Amino acid sequence: MAKRNNRGAIHRFLFLVLLFCTALAYVWQQIQVMKVGYAINQLKVQIEERENENRFLRMRISNLGSLERVEKIAKERLKMVNPPPENIIYLPTQ
């Protein structure tokens, strides 16, 4: 009879250990899912920041390369002037 109680106690103990290990694995899995979720959200924020920076830089390139700006710098900073009409030579188009 003592062996039966002993065997029953061992079975209960093993069942509890198995239950604990299963619960521990589930909790670990949920923690990993949360970590991956946080990492994904952080990467989405970084992507959005880079896209905003990219839009800003493209707009800046467009503004810096505009013909109006180049002409203004040429006239104001470099003191360039438009040539008089008699100095303009037109080449024939082919």
PDB file of N, CA and C in Angstrom:
ATOM      1  N   MET A   1       0.823  -1.187   0.000  1.00  0.00           N
ATOM      2  CA  MET A   1       0.000   0.000   0.000  1.00  0.00           C
ATOM      3  C   MET A   1       0.875   1.263   0.000  1.00  0.00           C
ATOM      4  N   ALA A   2       2.014   1.202   0.661  1.00  0.00           N
ATOM      5  CA  ALA A   2       2.910   2.345   0.724  1.00  0.00           C
ATOM      6  C   ALA A   2       3.488   2.639  -0.657  1.00  0.00           C
ATOM      7  N   LYS A   3       3.716   1.551  -1.439  1.00  0.00           N
ATOM      8  CA  LYS A   3       4.246   1.761  -2.780  1.00  0.00           C
ATOM      9  C   LYS A   3       3.209   2.442  -3.674  1.00  0.00           C
ATOM     10  N   ARG A   4       1.940   2.111  -3.486  1.00  0.00           N
ATOM     11  CA  ARG A   4       0.888   2.755  -4.284  1.00  0.00           C
ATOM     12  C   ARG A   4       0.794   4.237  -3.960  1.00  0.00           C
ATOM     13  N   ASN A   5       0.835   4.589  -2.681  1.00  0.00           N
ATOM     14  CA  ASN A   5       0.796   6.007  -2.291  1.00  0.00           C
ATOM     15  C   ASN A   5       2.034   6.729  -2.790  1.00  0.00           C
ATOM     16  N   ASN A   6       3.162   6.019  -2.710  1.00  0.00           N
ATOM     17  CA  ASN A   6       4.412   6.583  -3.189  1.00  0.00           C
ATOM     18  C   ASN A   6       4.340   6.818  -4.692  1.00  0.00           C
ATOM     19  N   ARG A   7       3.793   5.844  -5.419  1.00  0.00           N
ATOM     20  CA  ARG A   7       3.673   5.950  -6.863  1.00  0.00           C
ATOM     21  C   ARG A   7       2.698   7.074  -7.222  1.00  0.00           C
ATOM     22  N   GLY A   8       1.606   7.179  -6.506  1.00  0.00           N
ATOM     23  CA  GLY A   8       0.637   8.257  -6.737  1.00  0.00           C
ATOM     24  C   GLY A   8       1.243   9.621  -6.469  1.00  0.00           C
ATOM     25  N   ALA A   9       2.050   9.709  -5.425  1.00  0.00           N
ATOM     26  CA  ALA A   9       2.709  10.983  -5.093  1.00  0.00           C
ATOM     27  C   ALA A   9       3.713  11.350  -6.182  1.00  0.00           C
ATOM     28  N   ILE A  10       4.426  10.340  -6.695  1.00  0.00           N
ATOM     29  CA  ILE A  10       5.391  10.611  -7.767  1.00  0.00           C
ATOM     30  C   ILE A  10       4.671  11.068  -9.028  1.00  0.00           C
ATOM     31  N   HIS A  11       3.553  10.436  -9.342  1.00  0.00           N
ATOM     32  CA  HIS A  11       2.776  10.831 -10.514  1.00  0.00           C
ATOM     33  C   HIS A  11       2.261  12.269 -10.375  1.00  0.00           C
ATOM     34  N   ARG A  12       1.751  12.591  -9.185  1.00  0.00           N
ATOM     35  CA  ARG A  12       1.276  13.970  -8.952  1.00  0.00           C
ATOM     36  C   ARG A  12       2.420  14.967  -9.081  1.00  0.00           C
ATOM     37  N   PHE A  13       3.573  14.605  -8.512  1.00  0.00           N
ATOM     38  CA  PHE A  13       4.739  15.484  -8.577  1.00  0.00           C
ATOM     39  C   PHE A  13       5.174  15.685 -10.029  1.00  0.00           C
ATOM     40  N   LEU A  14       5.255  14.599 -10.784  1.00  0.00           N
ATOM     41  CA  LEU A  14       5.626  14.705 -12.193  1.00  0.00           C
ATOM     42  C   LEU A  14       4.605  15.512 -12.991  1.00  0.00           C
ATOM     43  N   PHE A  15       3.325  15.324 -12.678  1.00  0.00           N
ATOM     44  CA  PHE A  15       2.280  16.107 -13.339  1.00  0.00           C
ATOM     45  C   PHE A  15       2.446  17.591 -13.030  1.00  0.00           C
ATOM     46  N   LEU A  16       2.723  17.923 -11.776  1.00  0.00           N
ATOM     47  CA  LEU A  16       2.923  19.326 -11.392  1.00  0.00           C
ATOM     48  C   LEU A  16       4.173  19.907 -12.060  1.00  0.00           C
ATOM     49  N   VAL A  17       5.233  19.107 -12.145  1.00  0.00           N
ATOM     50  CA  VAL A  17       6.450  19.578 -12.818  1.00  0.00           C
ATOM     51  C   VAL A  17       6.158  19.829 -14.292  1.00  0.00           C
ATOM     52  N   LEU A  18       5.444  18.898 -14.930  1.00  0.00           N
ATOM     53  CA  LEU A  18       5.075  19.062 -16.326  1.00  0.00           C
ATOM     54  C   LEU A  18       4.182  20.286 -16.519  1.00  0.00           C
ATOM     55  N   LEU A  19       3.238  20.475 -15.643  1.00  0.00           N
ATOM     56  CA  LEU A  19       2.341  21.638 -15.700  1.00  0.00           C
ATOM     57  C   LEU A  19       3.138  22.927 -15.534  1.00  0.00           C
ATOM     58  N   PHE A  20       4.075  22.935 -14.581  1.00  0.00           N
ATOM     59  CA  PHE A  20       4.910  24.116 -14.348  1.00  0.00           C
ATOM     60  C   PHE A  20       5.769  24.416 -15.576  1.00  0.00           C
ATOM     61  N   CYS A  21       6.368  23.370 -16.163  1.00  0.00           N
ATOM     62  CA  CYS A  21       7.212  23.565 -17.349  1.00  0.00           C
ATOM     63  C   CYS A  21       6.391  24.085 -18.526  1.00  0.00           C
ATOM     64  N   THR A  22       5.174  23.562 -18.671  1.00  0.00           N
ATOM     65  CA  THR A  22       4.298  24.021 -19.748  1.00  0.00           C
ATOM     66  C   THR A  22       3.934  25.493 -19.537  1.00  0.00           C
ATOM     67  N   ALA A  23       3.584  25.852 -18.303  1.00  0.00           N
ATOM     68  CA  ALA A  23       3.236  27.248 -17.999  1.00  0.00           C
ATOM     69  C   ALA A  23       4.443  28.148 -18.227  1.00  0.00           C
ATOM     70  N   LEU A  24       5.609  27.685 -17.813  1.00  0.00           N
ATOM     71  CA  LEU A  24       6.830  28.465 -17.993  1.00  0.00           C
ATOM     72  C   LEU A  24       7.131  28.667 -19.475  1.00  0.00           C
ATOM     73  N   ALA A  25       6.956  27.627 -20.282  1.00  0.00           N
ATOM     74  CA  ALA A  25       7.180  27.743 -21.725  1.00  0.00           C
ATOM     75  C   ALA A  25       6.184  28.717 -22.343  1.00  0.00           C
ATOM     76  N   TYR A  26       4.941  28.687 -21.904  1.00  0.00           N
ATOM     77  CA  TYR A  26       3.918  29.592 -22.436  1.00  0.00           C
ATOM     78  C   TYR A  26       4.270  31.040 -22.094  1.00  0.00           C
ATOM     79  N   VAL A  27       4.649  31.274 -20.853  1.00  0.00           N
ATOM     80  CA  VAL A  27       4.995  32.640 -20.428  1.00  0.00           C
ATOM     81  C   VAL A  27       6.227  33.124 -21.197  1.00  0.00           C
ATOM     82  N   TRP A  28       7.239  32.255 -21.365  1.00  0.00           N
ATOM     83  CA  TRP A  28       8.435  32.631 -22.110  1.00  0.00           C
ATOM     84  C   TRP A  28       8.082  32.985 -23.555  1.00  0.00           C
ATOM     85  N   GLN A  29       7.189  32.194 -24.150  1.00  0.00           N
ATOM     86  CA  GLN A  29       6.767  32.449 -25.527  1.00  0.00           C
ATOM     87  C   GLN A  29       6.057  33.800 -25.633  1.00  0.00           C
ATOM     88  N   GLN A  30       5.189  34.107 -24.684  1.00  0.00           N
ATOM     89  CA  GLN A  30       4.480  35.384 -24.711  1.00  0.00           C
ATOM     90  C   GLN A  30       5.440  36.559 -24.548  1.00  0.00           C
ATOM     91  N   ILE A  31       6.448  36.385 -23.700  1.00  0.00           N
ATOM     92  CA  ILE A  31       7.454  37.442 -23.526  1.00  0.00           C
ATOM     93  C   ILE A  31       8.217  37.659 -24.833  1.00  0.00           C
ATOM     94  N   GLN A  32       8.575  36.588 -25.508  1.00  0.00           N
ATOM     95  CA  GLN A  32       9.280  36.706 -26.783  1.00  0.00           C
ATOM     96  C   GLN A  32       8.411  37.399 -27.828  1.00  0.00           C
ATOM     97  N   VAL A  33       7.127  37.068 -27.851  1.00  0.00           N
ATOM     98  CA  VAL A  33       6.203  37.711 -28.790  1.00  0.00           C
ATOM     99  C   VAL A  33       6.141  39.210 -28.507  1.00  0.00           C
ATOM    100  N   MET A  34       6.089  39.588 -27.227  1.00  0.00           N
ATOM    101  CA  MET A  34       6.052  41.011 -26.872  1.00  0.00           C
ATOM    102  C   MET A  34       7.345  41.705 -27.288  1.00  0.00           C
ATOM    103  N   LYS A  35       8.497  41.049 -27.064  1.00  0.00           N
ATOM    104  CA  LYS A  35       9.778  41.651 -27.454  1.00  0.00           C
ATOM    105  C   LYS A  35       9.830  41.886 -28.963  1.00  0.00           C
ATOM    106  N   VAL A  36       9.390  40.893 -29.731  1.00  0.00           N
ATOM    107  CA  VAL A  36       9.391  41.037 -31.189  1.00  0.00           C
ATOM    108  C   VAL A  36       8.423  42.144 -31.608  1.00  0.00           C
ATOM    109  N   GLY A  37       7.270  42.228 -30.935  1.00  0.00           N
ATOM    110  CA  GLY A  37       6.305  43.292 -31.233  1.00  0.00           C
ATOM    111  C   GLY A  37       6.895  44.666 -30.983  1.00  0.00           C
ATOM    112  N   TYR A  38       7.595  44.828 -29.851  1.00  0.00           N
ATOM    113  CA  TYR A  38       8.240  46.107 -29.552  1.00  0.00           C
ATOM    114  C   TYR A  38       9.312  46.431 -30.590  1.00  0.00           C
ATOM    115  N   ALA A  39      10.084  45.414 -30.986  1.00  0.00           N
ATOM    116  CA  ALA A  39      11.134  45.641 -31.983  1.00  0.00           C
ATOM    117  C   ALA A  39      10.527  46.060 -33.320  1.00  0.00           C
ATOM    118  N   ILE A  40       9.424  45.437 -33.700  1.00  0.00           N
ATOM    119  CA  ILE A  40       8.753  45.795 -34.956  1.00  0.00           C
ATOM    120  C   ILE A  40       8.253  47.235 -34.888  1.00  0.00           C
ATOM    121  N   ASN A  41       7.636  47.611 -33.773  1.00  0.00           N
ATOM    122  CA  ASN A  41       7.148  48.988 -33.637  1.00  0.00           C
ATOM    123  C   ASN A  41       8.292  49.984 -33.698  1.00  0.00           C
ATOM    124  N   GLN A  42       9.403  49.653 -33.063  1.00  0.00           N
ATOM    125  CA  GLN A  42      10.564  50.543 -33.090  1.00  0.00           C
ATOM    126  C   GLN A  42      11.094  50.687 -34.510  1.00  0.00           C
ATOM    127  N   LEU A  43      11.136  49.595 -35.263  1.00  0.00           N
ATOM    128  CA  LEU A  43      11.595  49.660 -36.646  1.00  0.00           C
ATOM    129  C   LEU A  43      10.629  50.464 -37.516  1.00  0.00           C
ATOM    130  N   LYS A  44       9.323  50.343 -37.254  1.00  0.00           N
ATOM    131  CA  LYS A  44       8.349  51.141 -38.005  1.00  0.00           C
ATOM    132  C   LYS A  44       8.570  52.625 -37.754  1.00  0.00           C
ATOM    133  N   VAL A  45       8.862  52.992 -36.510  1.00  0.00           N
ATOM    134  CA  VAL A  45       9.130  54.403 -36.188  1.00  0.00           C
ATOM    135  C   VAL A  45      10.388  54.866 -36.918  1.00  0.00           C
ATOM    136  N   GLN A  46      11.424  54.026 -36.931  1.00  0.00           N
ATOM    137  CA  GLN A  46      12.660  54.397 -37.631  1.00  0.00           C
ATOM    138  C   GLN A  46      12.420  54.545 -39.129  1.00  0.00           C
ATOM    139  N   ILE A  47      11.621  53.671 -39.705  1.00  0.00           N
ATOM    140  CA  ILE A  47      11.299  53.762 -41.135  1.00  0.00           C
ATOM    141  C   ILE A  47      10.578  55.078 -41.420  1.00  0.00           C
ATOM    142  N   GLU A  48       9.611  55.418 -40.569  1.00  0.00           N
ATOM    143  CA  GLU A  48       8.865  56.660 -40.766  1.00  0.00           C
ATOM    144  C   GLU A  48       9.792  57.872 -40.656  1.00  0.00           C
ATOM    145  N   GLU A  49      10.720  57.832 -39.691  1.00  0.00           N
ATOM    146  CA  GLU A  49      11.674  58.938 -39.545  1.00  0.00           C
ATOM    147  C   GLU A  49      12.550  59.064 -40.795  1.00  0.00           C
ATOM    148  N   ARG A  50      13.024  57.941 -41.310  1.00  0.00           N
ATOM    149  CA  ARG A  50      13.873  57.978 -42.502  1.00  0.00           C
ATOM    150  C   ARG A  50      13.093  58.460 -43.724  1.00  0.00           C
ATOM    151  N   GLU A  51      11.822  58.058 -43.835  1.00  0.00           N
ATOM    152  CA  GLU A  51      11.003  58.525 -44.957  1.00  0.00           C
ATOM    153  C   GLU A  51      10.776  60.023 -44.873  1.00  0.00           C
ATOM    154  N   ASN A  52      10.530  60.543 -43.669  1.00  0.00           N
ATOM    155  CA  ASN A  52      10.370  61.990 -43.500  1.00  0.00           C
ATOM    156  C   ASN A  52      11.658  62.723 -43.845  1.00  0.00           C
ATOM    157  N   GLU A  53      12.787  62.184 -43.389  1.00  0.00           N
ATOM    158  CA  GLU A  53      14.076  62.796 -43.697  1.00  0.00           C
ATOM    159  C   GLU A  53      14.333  62.763 -45.201  1.00  0.00           C
ATOM    160  N   ASN A  54      13.988  61.663 -45.839  1.00  0.00           N
ATOM    161  CA  ASN A  54      14.164  61.523 -47.284  1.00  0.00           C
ATOM    162  C   ASN A  54      13.322  62.556 -48.032  1.00  0.00           C
ATOM    163  N   ARG A  55      12.055  62.725 -47.620  1.00  0.00           N
ATOM    164  CA  ARG A  55      11.196  63.742 -48.255  1.00  0.00           C
ATOM    165  C   ARG A  55      11.788  65.138 -48.088  1.00  0.00           C
ATOM    166  N   PHE A  56      12.275  65.431 -46.871  1.00  0.00           N
ATOM    167  CA  PHE A  56      12.865  66.744 -46.613  1.00  0.00           C
ATOM    168  C   PHE A  56      14.084  66.970 -47.508  1.00  0.00           C
ATOM    169  N   LEU A  57      14.947  65.954 -47.604  1.00  0.00           N
ATOM    170  CA  LEU A  57      16.164  66.109 -48.411  1.00  0.00           C
ATOM    171  C   LEU A  57      15.843  66.243 -49.895  1.00  0.00           C
ATOM    172  N   ARG A  58      14.855  65.522 -50.383  1.00  0.00           N
ATOM    173  CA  ARG A  58      14.458  65.660 -51.786  1.00  0.00           C
ATOM    174  C   ARG A  58      13.924  67.070 -52.060  1.00  0.00           C
ATOM    175  N   MET A  59      13.142  67.598 -51.111  1.00  0.00           N
ATOM    176  CA  MET A  59      12.620  68.950 -51.271  1.00  0.00           C
ATOM    177  C   MET A  59      13.772  69.959 -51.253  1.00  0.00           C
ATOM    178  N   ARG A  60      14.740  69.729 -50.371  1.00  0.00           N
ATOM    179  CA  ARG A  60      15.894  70.631 -50.281  1.00  0.00           C
ATOM    180  C   ARG A  60      16.714  70.585 -51.571  1.00  0.00           C
ATOM    181  N   ILE A  61      16.919  69.396 -52.121  1.00  0.00           N
ATOM    182  CA  ILE A  61      17.645  69.268 -53.393  1.00  0.00           C
ATOM    183  C   ILE A  61      16.917  70.038 -54.485  1.00  0.00           C
ATOM    184  N   SER A  62      15.592  69.887 -54.510  1.00  0.00           N
ATOM    185  CA  SER A  62      14.801  70.576 -55.521  1.00  0.00           C
ATOM    186  C   SER A  62      14.931  72.089 -55.378  1.00  0.00           C
ATOM    187  N   ASN A  63      14.872  72.566 -54.137  1.00  0.00           N
ATOM    188  CA  ASN A  63      14.976  74.013 -53.907  1.00  0.00           C
ATOM    189  C   ASN A  63      16.368  74.534 -54.225  1.00  0.00           C
ATOM    190  N   LEU A  64      17.400  73.795 -53.823  1.00  0.00           N
ATOM    191  CA  LEU A  64      18.766  74.268 -54.051  1.00  0.00           C
ATOM    192  C   LEU A  64      19.141  74.261 -55.528  1.00  0.00           C
ATOM    193  N   GLY A  65      18.540  73.375 -56.283  1.00  0.00           N
ATOM    194  CA  GLY A  65      18.878  73.284 -57.698  1.00  0.00           C
ATOM    195  C   GLY A  65      17.957  74.071 -58.607  1.00  0.00           C
ATOM    196  N   SER A  66      17.024  74.835 -58.051  1.00  0.00           N
ATOM    197  CA  SER A  66      16.084  75.566 -58.893  1.00  0.00           C
ATOM    198  C   SER A  66      16.811  76.661 -59.676  1.00  0.00           C
ATOM    199  N   LEU A  67      16.356  76.888 -60.896  1.00  0.00           N
ATOM    200  CA  LEU A  67      17.005  77.878 -61.754  1.00  0.00           C
ATOM    201  C   LEU A  67      16.898  79.288 -61.183  1.00  0.00           C
ATOM    202  N   GLU A  68      15.788  79.578 -60.529  1.00  0.00           N
ATOM    203  CA  GLU A  68      15.629  80.906 -59.930  1.00  0.00           C
ATOM    204  C   GLU A  68      16.691  81.146 -58.863  1.00  0.00           C
ATOM    205  N   ARG A  69      16.957  80.150 -58.055  1.00  0.00           N
ATOM    206  CA  ARG A  69      17.959  80.290 -56.998  1.00  0.00           C
ATOM    207  C   ARG A  69      19.353  80.437 -57.601  1.00  0.00           C
ATOM    208  N   VAL A  70      19.658  79.622 -58.597  1.00  0.00           N
ATOM    209  CA  VAL A  70      20.976  79.700 -59.240  1.00  0.00           C
ATOM    210  C   VAL A  70      21.167  81.080 -59.859  1.00  0.00           C
ATOM    211  N   GLU A  71      20.136  81.583 -60.524  1.00  0.00           N
ATOM    212  CA  GLU A  71      20.243  82.911 -61.137  1.00  0.00           C
ATOM    213  C   GLU A  71      20.427  83.991 -60.072  1.00  0.00           C
ATOM    214  N   LYS A  72      19.705  83.906 -58.988  1.00  0.00           N
ATOM    215  CA  LYS A  72      19.814  84.890 -57.911  1.00  0.00           C
ATOM    216  C   LYS A  72      21.220  84.889 -57.326  1.00  0.00           C
ATOM    217  N   ILE A  73      21.783  83.701 -57.076  1.00  0.00           N
ATOM    218  CA  ILE A  73      23.147  83.621 -56.534  1.00  0.00           C
ATOM    219  C   ILE A  73      24.145  84.172 -57.537  1.00  0.00           C
ATOM    220  N   ALA A  74      23.959  83.853 -58.817  1.00  0.00           N
ATOM    221  CA  ALA A  74      24.879  84.340 -59.848  1.00  0.00           C
ATOM    222  C   ALA A  74      24.871  85.865 -59.892  1.00  0.00           C
ATOM    223  N   LYS A  75      23.701  86.468 -59.781  1.00  0.00           N
ATOM    224  CA  LYS A  75      23.615  87.931 -59.873  1.00  0.00           C
ATOM    225  C   LYS A  75      24.053  88.610 -58.583  1.00  0.00           C
ATOM    226  N   GLU A  76      23.635  88.077 -57.421  1.00  0.00           N
ATOM    227  CA  GLU A  76      23.914  88.772 -56.159  1.00  0.00           C
ATOM    228  C   GLU A  76      25.313  88.474 -55.616  1.00  0.00           C
ATOM    229  N   ARG A  77      25.688  87.235 -55.537  1.00  0.00           N
ATOM    230  CA  ARG A  77      26.975  86.890 -54.939  1.00  0.00           C
ATOM    231  C   ARG A  77      28.134  86.991 -55.930  1.00  0.00           C
ATOM    232  N   LEU A  78      27.902  86.529 -57.141  1.00  0.00           N
ATOM    233  CA  LEU A  78      28.984  86.493 -58.122  1.00  0.00           C
ATOM    234  C   LEU A  78      29.005  87.720 -59.023  1.00  0.00           C
ATOM    235  N   LYS A  79      28.019  88.597 -58.852  1.00  0.00           N
ATOM    236  CA  LYS A  79      27.944  89.862 -59.606  1.00  0.00           C
ATOM    237  C   LYS A  79      27.913  89.626 -61.110  1.00  0.00           C
ATOM    238  N   MET A  80      27.255  88.569 -61.528  1.00  0.00           N
ATOM    239  CA  MET A  80      27.114  88.293 -62.954  1.00  0.00           C
ATOM    240  C   MET A  80      25.934  89.099 -63.491  1.00  0.00           C
ATOM    241  N   VAL A  81      25.991  89.398 -64.780  1.00  0.00           N
ATOM    242  CA  VAL A  81      24.915  90.152 -65.413  1.00  0.00           C
ATOM    243  C   VAL A  81      24.515  89.448 -66.702  1.00  0.00           C
ATOM    244  N   ASN A  82      23.333  89.736 -67.176  1.00  0.00           N
ATOM    245  CA  ASN A  82      22.893  89.205 -68.464  1.00  0.00           C
ATOM    246  C   ASN A  82      23.684  89.916 -69.561  1.00  0.00           C
ATOM    247  N   PRO A  83      24.071  89.188 -70.592  1.00  0.00           N
ATOM    248  CA  PRO A  83      24.838  89.840 -71.662  1.00  0.00           C
ATOM    249  C   PRO A  83      23.928  90.753 -72.484  1.00  0.00           C
ATOM    250  N   PRO A  84      24.495  91.767 -73.072  1.00  0.00           N
ATOM    251  CA  PRO A  84      23.684  92.616 -73.946  1.00  0.00           C
ATOM    252  C   PRO A  84      23.257  91.805 -75.177  1.00  0.00           C
ATOM    253  N   PRO A  85      22.131  92.157 -75.766  1.00  0.00           N
ATOM    254  CA  PRO A  85      21.611  91.379 -76.904  1.00  0.00           C
ATOM    255  C   PRO A  85      22.588  91.259 -78.059  1.00  0.00           C
ATOM    256  N   GLU A  86      23.434  92.250 -78.289  1.00  0.00           N
ATOM    257  CA  GLU A  86      24.364  92.156 -79.438  1.00  0.00           C
ATOM    258  C   GLU A  86      25.478  91.148 -79.213  1.00  0.00           C
ATOM    259  N   ASN A  87      25.697  90.719 -77.973  1.00  0.00           N
ATOM    260  CA  ASN A  87      26.733  89.724 -77.677  1.00  0.00           C
ATOM    261  C   ASN A  87      26.193  88.283 -77.700  1.00  0.00           C
ATOM    262  N   ILE A  88      24.920  88.137 -77.943  1.00  0.00           N
ATOM    263  CA  ILE A  88      24.325  86.801 -77.959  1.00  0.00           C
ATOM    264  C   ILE A  88      24.403  86.254 -79.380  1.00  0.00           C
ATOM    265  N   ILE A  89      24.935  85.071 -79.511  1.00  0.00           N
ATOM    266  CA  ILE A  89      25.044  84.403 -80.817  1.00  0.00           C
ATOM    267  C   ILE A  89      24.164  83.171 -80.779  1.00  0.00           C
ATOM    268  N   TYR A  90      23.255  83.082 -81.701  1.00  0.00           N
ATOM    269  CA  TYR A  90      22.358  81.937 -81.794  1.00  0.00           C
ATOM    270  C   TYR A  90      22.926  80.947 -82.804  1.00  0.00           C
ATOM    271  N   LEU A  91      22.993  79.680 -82.403  1.00  0.00           N
ATOM    272  CA  LEU A  91      23.502  78.660 -83.300  1.00  0.00           C
ATOM    273  C   LEU A  91      22.318  77.993 -84.001  1.00  0.00           C
ATOM    274  N   PRO A  92      22.523  77.612 -85.231  1.00  0.00           N
ATOM    275  CA  PRO A  92      21.422  76.962 -85.928  1.00  0.00           C
ATOM    276  C   PRO A  92      21.140  75.568 -85.337  1.00  0.00           C
ATOM    277  N   THR A  93      19.907  75.213 -85.323  1.00  0.00           N
ATOM    278  CA  THR A  93      19.532  73.875 -84.841  1.00  0.00           C
ATOM    279  C   THR A  93      19.598  72.899 -85.984  1.00  0.00           C
ATOM    280  N   GLN A  94      19.848  71.679 -85.698  1.00  0.00           N
ATOM    281  CA  GLN A  94      20.004  70.683 -86.761  1.00  0.00           C
ATOM    282  C   GLN A  94      18.784  69.853 -86.891  1.00  0.00           C
TER     283      GLN A  94
END
